[in-house]
Amino acid sequence: YPLTSDLIKKSGKEEALLNASRFELIHVHVKV
């Protein structure tokens, strides 16, 4: 989550989820 990684590191997953709008950009890295 490019818009959210800093918040997860700082505050943890549960607090980050309180602001779901920052999860609106998702990058799925796929290894084939």
PDB file of all heavy atoms in Angstrom:
ATOM      1  N   TYR A   1       0.851  -1.187   0.000  1.00  0.00           N
ATOM      2  CA  TYR A   1       0.000   0.000   0.000  1.00  0.00           C
ATOM      3  C   TYR A   1       0.891   1.243   0.000  1.00  0.00           C
ATOM      4  O   TYR A   1       1.323   1.703   1.057  1.00  0.00           O
ATOM      5  CB  TYR A   1      -0.923  -0.006   1.218  1.00  0.00           C
ATOM      6  CG  TYR A   1      -1.841  -1.195   1.248  1.00  0.00           C
ATOM      7  CD1 TYR A   1      -1.457  -2.382   1.864  1.00  0.00           C
ATOM      8  CD2 TYR A   1      -3.084  -1.144   0.630  1.00  0.00           C
ATOM      9  CE1 TYR A   1      -2.295  -3.485   1.866  1.00  0.00           C
ATOM     10  CE2 TYR A   1      -3.926  -2.239   0.628  1.00  0.00           C
ATOM     11  CZ  TYR A   1      -3.524  -3.409   1.252  1.00  0.00           C
ATOM     12  OH  TYR A   1      -4.351  -4.512   1.253  1.00  0.00           O
ATOM     13  N   PRO A   2       1.172   1.812  -1.167  1.00  0.00           N
ATOM     14  CA  PRO A   2       2.128   2.933  -1.247  1.00  0.00           C
ATOM     15  C   PRO A   2       1.734   4.152  -0.425  1.00  0.00           C
ATOM     16  O   PRO A   2       2.606   4.896   0.028  1.00  0.00           O
ATOM     17  CB  PRO A   2       2.138   3.273  -2.747  1.00  0.00           C
ATOM     18  CG  PRO A   2       1.717   2.023  -3.431  1.00  0.00           C
ATOM     19  CD  PRO A   2       0.729   1.382  -2.509  1.00  0.00           C
ATOM     20  N   LEU A   3       0.433   4.377  -0.224  1.00  0.00           N
ATOM     21  CA  LEU A   3       0.002   5.557   0.511  1.00  0.00           C
ATOM     22  C   LEU A   3      -0.056   5.332   2.016  1.00  0.00           C
ATOM     23  O   LEU A   3      -0.315   6.275   2.766  1.00  0.00           O
ATOM     24  CB  LEU A   3      -1.398   5.993   0.030  1.00  0.00           C
ATOM     25  CG  LEU A   3      -1.562   6.262  -1.461  1.00  0.00           C
ATOM     26  CD1 LEU A   3      -3.003   6.659  -1.755  1.00  0.00           C
ATOM     27  CD2 LEU A   3      -0.608   7.355  -1.913  1.00  0.00           C
ATOM     28  N   THR A   4       0.202   4.102   2.452  1.00  0.00           N
ATOM     29  CA  THR A   4      -0.100   3.725   3.828  1.00  0.00           C
ATOM     30  C   THR A   4       1.071   3.102   4.567  1.00  0.00           C
ATOM     31  O   THR A   4       1.025   2.960   5.782  1.00  0.00           O
ATOM     32  CB  THR A   4      -1.287   2.729   3.840  1.00  0.00           C
ATOM     33  OG1 THR A   4      -2.288   3.184   2.936  1.00  0.00           O
ATOM     34  CG2 THR A   4      -1.909   2.602   5.211  1.00  0.00           C
ATOM     35  N   SER A   5       2.120   2.693   3.868  1.00  0.00           N
ATOM     36  CA  SER A   5       3.199   1.941   4.506  1.00  0.00           C
ATOM     37  C   SER A   5       3.813   2.712   5.676  1.00  0.00           C
ATOM     38  O   SER A   5       4.153   2.131   6.710  1.00  0.00           O
ATOM     39  CB  SER A   5       4.273   1.587   3.485  1.00  0.00           C
ATOM     40  OG  SER A   5       4.776   2.747   2.853  1.00  0.00           O
ATOM     41  N   ASP A   6       3.938   4.036   5.541  1.00  0.00           N
ATOM     42  CA  ASP A   6       4.519   4.827   6.626  1.00  0.00           C
ATOM     43  C   ASP A   6       3.624   4.803   7.858  1.00  0.00           C
ATOM     44  O   ASP A   6       4.103   4.720   8.997  1.00  0.00           O
ATOM     45  CB  ASP A   6       4.759   6.263   6.164  1.00  0.00           C
ATOM     46  CG  ASP A   6       3.473   6.966   5.720  1.00  0.00           C
ATOM     47  OD1 ASP A   6       2.554   6.269   5.247  1.00  0.00           O
ATOM     48  OD2 ASP A   6       3.404   8.200   5.861  1.00  0.00           O
ATOM     49  N   LEU A   7       2.300   4.857   7.652  1.00  0.00           N
ATOM     50  CA  LEU A   7       1.358   4.861   8.768  1.00  0.00           C
ATOM     51  C   LEU A   7       1.349   3.511   9.478  1.00  0.00           C
ATOM     52  O   LEU A   7       1.276   3.454  10.711  1.00  0.00           O
ATOM     53  CB  LEU A   7      -0.038   5.212   8.264  1.00  0.00           C
ATOM     54  CG  LEU A   7      -1.139   5.347   9.317  1.00  0.00           C
ATOM     55  CD1 LEU A   7      -0.783   6.434  10.319  1.00  0.00           C
ATOM     56  CD2 LEU A   7      -2.479   5.663   8.656  1.00  0.00           C
ATOM     57  N   ILE A   8       1.430   2.411   8.719  1.00  0.00           N
ATOM     58  CA  ILE A   8       1.464   1.078   9.324  1.00  0.00           C
ATOM     59  C   ILE A   8       2.707   0.928  10.189  1.00  0.00           C
ATOM     60  O   ILE A   8       2.650   0.418  11.313  1.00  0.00           O
ATOM     61  CB  ILE A   8       1.412  -0.014   8.240  1.00  0.00           C
ATOM     62  CG1 ILE A   8       0.056   0.017   7.518  1.00  0.00           C
ATOM     63  CG2 ILE A   8       1.643  -1.397   8.848  1.00  0.00           C
ATOM     64  CD1 ILE A   8      -0.037  -0.944   6.357  1.00  0.00           C
ATOM     65  N   LYS A   9       3.848   1.375   9.665  1.00  0.00           N
ATOM     66  CA  LYS A   9       5.099   1.272  10.432  1.00  0.00           C
ATOM     67  C   LYS A   9       5.042   2.103  11.710  1.00  0.00           C
ATOM     68  O   LYS A   9       5.537   1.694  12.756  1.00  0.00           O
ATOM     69  CB  LYS A   9       6.271   1.718   9.568  1.00  0.00           C
ATOM     70  CG  LYS A   9       6.603   0.774   8.423  1.00  0.00           C
ATOM     71  CD  LYS A   9       7.715   1.335   7.551  1.00  0.00           C
ATOM     72  CE  LYS A   9       7.998   0.420   6.375  1.00  0.00           C
ATOM     73  NZ  LYS A   9       9.054   0.984   5.480  1.00  0.00           N
ATOM     74  N   LYS A  10       4.418   3.274  11.619  1.00  0.00           N
ATOM     75  CA  LYS A  10       4.394   4.194  12.757  1.00  0.00           C
ATOM     76  C   LYS A  10       3.368   3.784  13.800  1.00  0.00           C
ATOM     77  O   LYS A  10       3.646   3.803  15.009  1.00  0.00           O
ATOM     78  CB  LYS A  10       4.106   5.611  12.270  1.00  0.00           C
ATOM     79  CG  LYS A  10       4.047   6.641  13.385  1.00  0.00           C
ATOM     80  CD  LYS A  10       3.754   8.023  12.825  1.00  0.00           C
ATOM     81  CE  LYS A  10       3.655   9.069  13.935  1.00  0.00           C
ATOM     82  NZ  LYS A  10       3.355  10.416  13.390  1.00  0.00           N
ATOM     83  N   SER A  11       2.174   3.427  13.349  1.00  0.00           N
ATOM     84  CA  SER A  11       1.053   3.253  14.271  1.00  0.00           C
ATOM     85  C   SER A  11       0.532   1.832  14.395  1.00  0.00           C
ATOM     86  O   SER A  11      -0.264   1.542  15.287  1.00  0.00           O
ATOM     87  CB  SER A  11      -0.107   4.176  13.844  1.00  0.00           C
ATOM     88  OG  SER A  11       0.328   5.515  13.734  1.00  0.00           O
ATOM     89  N   GLY A  12       0.937   0.952  13.476  1.00  0.00           N
ATOM     90  CA  GLY A  12       0.432  -0.413  13.501  1.00  0.00           C
ATOM     91  C   GLY A  12      -0.776  -0.588  12.602  1.00  0.00           C
ATOM     92  O   GLY A  12      -1.439   0.374  12.215  1.00  0.00           O
ATOM     93  N   LYS A  13      -1.071  -1.840  12.283  1.00  0.00           N
ATOM     94  CA  LYS A  13      -2.126  -2.157  11.321  1.00  0.00           C
ATOM     95  C   LYS A  13      -3.500  -1.700  11.792  1.00  0.00           C
ATOM     96  O   LYS A  13      -4.267  -1.115  11.029  1.00  0.00           O
ATOM     97  CB  LYS A  13      -2.135  -3.663  11.062  1.00  0.00           C
ATOM     98  CG  LYS A  13      -3.188  -4.106  10.069  1.00  0.00           C
ATOM     99  CD  LYS A  13      -3.096  -5.593   9.802  1.00  0.00           C
ATOM    100  CE  LYS A  13      -3.481  -6.413  11.012  1.00  0.00           C
ATOM    101  NZ  LYS A  13      -3.557  -7.861  10.721  1.00  0.00           N
ATOM    102  N   GLU A  14      -3.834  -1.945  13.057  1.00  0.00           N
ATOM    103  CA  GLU A  14      -5.179  -1.658  13.535  1.00  0.00           C
ATOM    104  C   GLU A  14      -5.496  -0.167  13.469  1.00  0.00           C
ATOM    105  O   GLU A  14      -6.571   0.237  13.024  1.00  0.00           O
ATOM    106  CB  GLU A  14      -5.354  -2.181  14.969  1.00  0.00           C
ATOM    107  CG  GLU A  14      -5.283  -3.690  15.082  1.00  0.00           C
ATOM    108  CD  GLU A  14      -6.329  -4.371  14.222  1.00  0.00           C
ATOM    109  OE1 GLU A  14      -7.463  -3.855  14.139  1.00  0.00           O
ATOM    110  OE2 GLU A  14      -6.021  -5.415  13.628  1.00  0.00           O
ATOM    111  N   GLU A  15      -4.539   0.666  13.885  1.00  0.00           N
ATOM    112  CA  GLU A  15      -4.782   2.109  13.839  1.00  0.00           C
ATOM    113  C   GLU A  15      -4.819   2.602  12.393  1.00  0.00           C
ATOM    114  O   GLU A  15      -5.610   3.487  12.053  1.00  0.00           O
ATOM    115  CB  GLU A  15      -3.698   2.854  14.617  1.00  0.00           C
ATOM    116  CG  GLU A  15      -3.966   4.346  14.708  1.00  0.00           C
ATOM    117  CD  GLU A  15      -3.048   5.047  15.693  1.00  0.00           C
ATOM    118  OE1 GLU A  15      -2.553   4.378  16.623  1.00  0.00           O
ATOM    119  OE2 GLU A  15      -2.830   6.261  15.518  1.00  0.00           O
ATOM    120  N   ALA A  16      -3.968   2.026  11.539  1.00  0.00           N
ATOM    121  CA  ALA A  16      -3.964   2.426  10.131  1.00  0.00           C
ATOM    122  C   ALA A  16      -5.311   2.156   9.482  1.00  0.00           C
ATOM    123  O   ALA A  16      -5.785   2.938   8.647  1.00  0.00           O
ATOM    124  CB  ALA A  16      -2.856   1.700   9.374  1.00  0.00           C
ATOM    125  N   LEU A  17      -5.961   1.059   9.873  1.00  0.00           N
ATOM    126  CA  LEU A  17      -7.239   0.695   9.275  1.00  0.00           C
ATOM    127  C   LEU A  17      -8.362   1.663   9.632  1.00  0.00           C
ATOM    128  O   LEU A  17      -9.419   1.649   9.011  1.00  0.00           O
ATOM    129  CB  LEU A  17      -7.625  -0.728   9.683  1.00  0.00           C
ATOM    130  CG  LEU A  17      -6.867  -1.846   8.965  1.00  0.00           C
ATOM    131  CD1 LEU A  17      -7.177  -3.187   9.593  1.00  0.00           C
ATOM    132  CD2 LEU A  17      -7.201  -1.856   7.486  1.00  0.00           C
ATOM    133  N   LEU A  18      -8.141   2.510  10.636  1.00  0.00           N
ATOM    134  CA  LEU A  18      -9.140   3.514  10.979  1.00  0.00           C
ATOM    135  C   LEU A  18      -9.284   4.558   9.870  1.00  0.00           C
ATOM    136  O   LEU A  18     -10.290   5.255   9.795  1.00  0.00           O
ATOM    137  CB  LEU A  18      -8.771   4.198  12.300  1.00  0.00           C
ATOM    138  CG  LEU A  18      -8.759   3.293  13.536  1.00  0.00           C
ATOM    139  CD1 LEU A  18      -8.273   4.069  14.749  1.00  0.00           C
ATOM    140  CD2 LEU A  18     -10.147   2.706  13.788  1.00  0.00           C
ATOM    141  N   ASN A  19      -8.263   4.651   9.014  1.00  0.00           N
ATOM    142  CA  ASN A  19      -8.312   5.578   7.879  1.00  0.00           C
ATOM    143  C   ASN A  19      -8.219   4.762   6.593  1.00  0.00           C
ATOM    144  O   ASN A  19      -7.194   4.736   5.929  1.00  0.00           O
ATOM    145  CB  ASN A  19      -7.164   6.586   7.979  1.00  0.00           C
ATOM    146  CG  ASN A  19      -7.240   7.653   6.896  1.00  0.00           C
ATOM    147  OD1 ASN A  19      -8.180   7.682   6.097  1.00  0.00           O
ATOM    148  ND2 ASN A  19      -6.250   8.519   6.860  1.00  0.00           N
ATOM    149  N   ALA A  20      -9.311   4.080   6.243  1.00  0.00           N
ATOM    150  CA  ALA A  20      -9.299   3.152   5.111  1.00  0.00           C
ATOM    151  C   ALA A  20      -9.060   3.854   3.784  1.00  0.00           C
ATOM    152  O   ALA A  20      -8.638   3.215   2.813  1.00  0.00           O
ATOM    153  CB  ALA A  20     -10.605   2.360   5.061  1.00  0.00           C
ATOM    154  N   SER A  21      -9.305   5.179   3.722  1.00  0.00           N
ATOM    155  CA  SER A  21      -9.101   5.879   2.458  1.00  0.00           C
ATOM    156  C   SER A  21      -7.645   5.823   2.008  1.00  0.00           C
ATOM    157  O   SER A  21      -7.359   5.927   0.815  1.00  0.00           O
ATOM    158  CB  SER A  21      -9.557   7.334   2.582  1.00  0.00           C
ATOM    159  OG  SER A  21      -8.769   8.044   3.520  1.00  0.00           O
ATOM    160  N   ARG A  22      -6.725   5.621   2.934  1.00  0.00           N
ATOM    161  CA  ARG A  22      -5.314   5.557   2.563  1.00  0.00           C
ATOM    162  C   ARG A  22      -4.938   4.189   1.992  1.00  0.00           C
ATOM    163  O   ARG A  22      -3.793   3.982   1.608  1.00  0.00           O
ATOM    164  CB  ARG A  22      -4.432   5.897   3.762  1.00  0.00           C
ATOM    165  CG  ARG A  22      -4.558   7.348   4.191  1.00  0.00           C
ATOM    166  CD  ARG A  22      -3.527   7.733   5.218  1.00  0.00           C
ATOM    167  NE  ARG A  22      -2.170   7.642   4.698  1.00  0.00           N
ATOM    168  CZ  ARG A  22      -1.084   7.893   5.416  1.00  0.00           C
ATOM    169  NH1 ARG A  22      -1.196   8.247   6.683  1.00  0.00           N
ATOM    170  NH2 ARG A  22       0.115   7.781   4.894  1.00  0.00           N
ATOM    171  N   PHE A  23      -5.895   3.271   1.944  1.00  0.00           N
ATOM    172  CA  PHE A  23      -5.663   1.959   1.343  1.00  0.00           C
ATOM    173  C   PHE A  23      -6.238   1.887  -0.066  1.00  0.00           C
ATOM    174  O   PHE A  23      -6.369   0.806  -0.627  1.00  0.00           O
ATOM    175  CB  PHE A  23      -6.281   0.862   2.208  1.00  0.00           C
ATOM    176  CG  PHE A  23      -5.564   0.632   3.510  1.00  0.00           C
ATOM    177  CD1 PHE A  23      -5.820   1.427   4.614  1.00  0.00           C
ATOM    178  CD2 PHE A  23      -4.613  -0.366   3.625  1.00  0.00           C
ATOM    179  CE1 PHE A  23      -5.166   1.225   5.809  1.00  0.00           C
ATOM    180  CE2 PHE A  23      -3.954  -0.586   4.818  1.00  0.00           C
ATOM    181  CZ  PHE A  23      -4.218   0.219   5.919  1.00  0.00           C
ATOM    182  N   GLU A  24      -6.580   3.027  -0.636  1.00  0.00           N
ATOM    183  CA  GLU A  24      -7.249   3.025  -1.942  1.00  0.00           C
ATOM    184  C   GLU A  24      -6.302   2.786  -3.108  1.00  0.00           C
ATOM    185  O   GLU A  24      -6.759   2.580  -4.232  1.00  0.00           O
ATOM    186  CB  GLU A  24      -8.002   4.349  -2.137  1.00  0.00           C
ATOM    187  CG  GLU A  24      -9.209   4.477  -1.217  1.00  0.00           C
ATOM    188  CD  GLU A  24      -9.960   5.776  -1.430  1.00  0.00           C
ATOM    189  OE1 GLU A  24      -9.636   6.498  -2.400  1.00  0.00           O
ATOM    190  OE2 GLU A  24     -10.868   6.073  -0.628  1.00  0.00           O
ATOM    191  N   LEU A  25      -4.997   2.814  -2.875  1.00  0.00           N
ATOM    192  CA  LEU A  25      -4.023   2.472  -3.910  1.00  0.00           C
ATOM    193  C   LEU A  25      -3.314   1.197  -3.477  1.00  0.00           C
ATOM    194  O   LEU A  25      -2.652   1.154  -2.434  1.00  0.00           O
ATOM    195  CB  LEU A  25      -3.013   3.602  -4.110  1.00  0.00           C
ATOM    196  CG  LEU A  25      -1.963   3.353  -5.200  1.00  0.00           C
ATOM    197  CD1 LEU A  25      -2.623   3.239  -6.578  1.00  0.00           C
ATOM    198  CD2 LEU A  25      -0.910   4.450  -5.200  1.00  0.00           C
ATOM    199  N   ILE A  26      -3.458   0.149  -4.295  1.00  0.00           N
ATOM    200  CA  ILE A  26      -2.951  -1.180  -3.960  1.00  0.00           C
ATOM    201  C   ILE A  26      -1.991  -1.636  -5.052  1.00  0.00           C
ATOM    202  O   ILE A  26      -2.332  -1.584  -6.239  1.00  0.00           O
ATOM    203  CB  ILE A  26      -4.118  -2.191  -3.840  1.00  0.00           C
ATOM    204  CG1 ILE A  26      -5.158  -1.701  -2.831  1.00  0.00           C
ATOM    205  CG2 ILE A  26      -3.600  -3.576  -3.478  1.00  0.00           C
ATOM    206  CD1 ILE A  26      -6.514  -2.368  -2.975  1.00  0.00           C
ATOM    207  N   HIS A  27      -0.815  -2.071  -4.666  1.00  0.00           N
ATOM    208  CA  HIS A  27       0.127  -2.672  -5.602  1.00  0.00           C
ATOM    209  C   HIS A  27       0.303  -4.148  -5.244  1.00  0.00           C
ATOM    210  O   HIS A  27       0.699  -4.474  -4.132  1.00  0.00           O
ATOM    211  CB  HIS A  27       1.487  -1.960  -5.547  1.00  0.00           C
ATOM    212  CG  HIS A  27       1.476  -0.628  -6.209  1.00  0.00           C
ATOM    213  ND1 HIS A  27       2.558   0.228  -6.181  1.00  0.00           N
ATOM    214  CD2 HIS A  27       0.508   0.009  -6.922  1.00  0.00           C
ATOM    215  CE1 HIS A  27       2.263   1.333  -6.850  1.00  0.00           C
ATOM    216  NE2 HIS A  27       1.031   1.218  -7.311  1.00  0.00           N
ATOM    217  N   VAL A  28      -0.024  -4.998  -6.185  1.00  0.00           N
ATOM    218  CA  VAL A  28       0.142  -6.441  -6.007  1.00  0.00           C
ATOM    219  C   VAL A  28       1.408  -6.864  -6.751  1.00  0.00           C
ATOM    220  O   VAL A  28       1.457  -6.795  -7.983  1.00  0.00           O
ATOM    221  CB  VAL A  28      -1.083  -7.218  -6.530  1.00  0.00           C
ATOM    222  CG1 VAL A  28      -0.922  -8.712  -6.246  1.00  0.00           C
ATOM    223  CG2 VAL A  28      -2.365  -6.683  -5.904  1.00  0.00           C
ATOM    224  N   HIS A  29       2.423  -7.260  -6.001  1.00  0.00           N
ATOM    225  CA  HIS A  29       3.675  -7.726  -6.593  1.00  0.00           C
ATOM    226  C   HIS A  29       3.546  -9.232  -6.820  1.00  0.00           C
ATOM    227  O   HIS A  29       3.320  -9.991  -5.874  1.00  0.00           O
ATOM    228  CB  HIS A  29       4.851  -7.436  -5.667  1.00  0.00           C
ATOM    229  CG  HIS A  29       5.091  -5.973  -5.453  1.00  0.00           C
ATOM    230  ND1 HIS A  29       6.079  -5.283  -6.123  1.00  0.00           N
ATOM    231  CD2 HIS A  29       4.464  -5.065  -4.660  1.00  0.00           C
ATOM    232  CE1 HIS A  29       6.066  -4.015  -5.746  1.00  0.00           C
ATOM    233  NE2 HIS A  29       5.092  -3.859  -4.860  1.00  0.00           N
ATOM    234  N   VAL A  30       3.686  -9.647  -8.045  1.00  0.00           N
ATOM    235  CA  VAL A  30       3.412 -11.028  -8.436  1.00  0.00           C
ATOM    236  C   VAL A  30       4.679 -11.680  -8.988  1.00  0.00           C
ATOM    237  O   VAL A  30       5.278 -11.176  -9.939  1.00  0.00           O
ATOM    238  CB  VAL A  30       2.305 -11.094  -9.518  1.00  0.00           C
ATOM    239  CG1 VAL A  30       1.901 -12.538  -9.768  1.00  0.00           C
ATOM    240  CG2 VAL A  30       1.109 -10.251  -9.116  1.00  0.00           C
ATOM    241  N   LYS A  31       5.081 -12.789  -8.392  1.00  0.00           N
ATOM    242  CA  LYS A  31       6.202 -13.578  -8.908  1.00  0.00           C
ATOM    243  C   LYS A  31       5.621 -14.820  -9.596  1.00  0.00           C
ATOM    244  O   LYS A  31       4.924 -15.622  -8.978  1.00  0.00           O
ATOM    245  CB  LYS A  31       7.130 -13.997  -7.770  1.00  0.00           C
ATOM    246  CG  LYS A  31       8.258 -14.944  -8.164  1.00  0.00           C
ATOM    247  CD  LYS A  31       9.268 -14.272  -9.093  1.00  0.00           C
ATOM    248  CE  LYS A  31      10.427 -15.209  -9.407  1.00  0.00           C
ATOM    249  NZ  LYS A  31      11.274 -15.485  -8.221  1.00  0.00           N
ATOM    250  N   VAL A  32       5.884 -14.954 -10.892  1.00  0.00           N
ATOM    251  CA  VAL A  32       5.318 -16.061 -11.671  1.00  0.00           C
ATOM    252  C   VAL A  32       6.253 -17.264 -11.575  1.00  0.00           C
ATOM    253  O   VAL A  32       7.461 -17.143 -11.793  1.00  0.00           O
ATOM    254  CB  VAL A  32       5.109 -15.648 -13.140  1.00  0.00           C
ATOM    255  CG1 VAL A  32       4.430 -16.766 -13.911  1.00  0.00           C
ATOM    256  CG2 VAL A  32       4.274 -14.372 -13.218  1.00  0.00           C
TER     257      VAL A  32
END
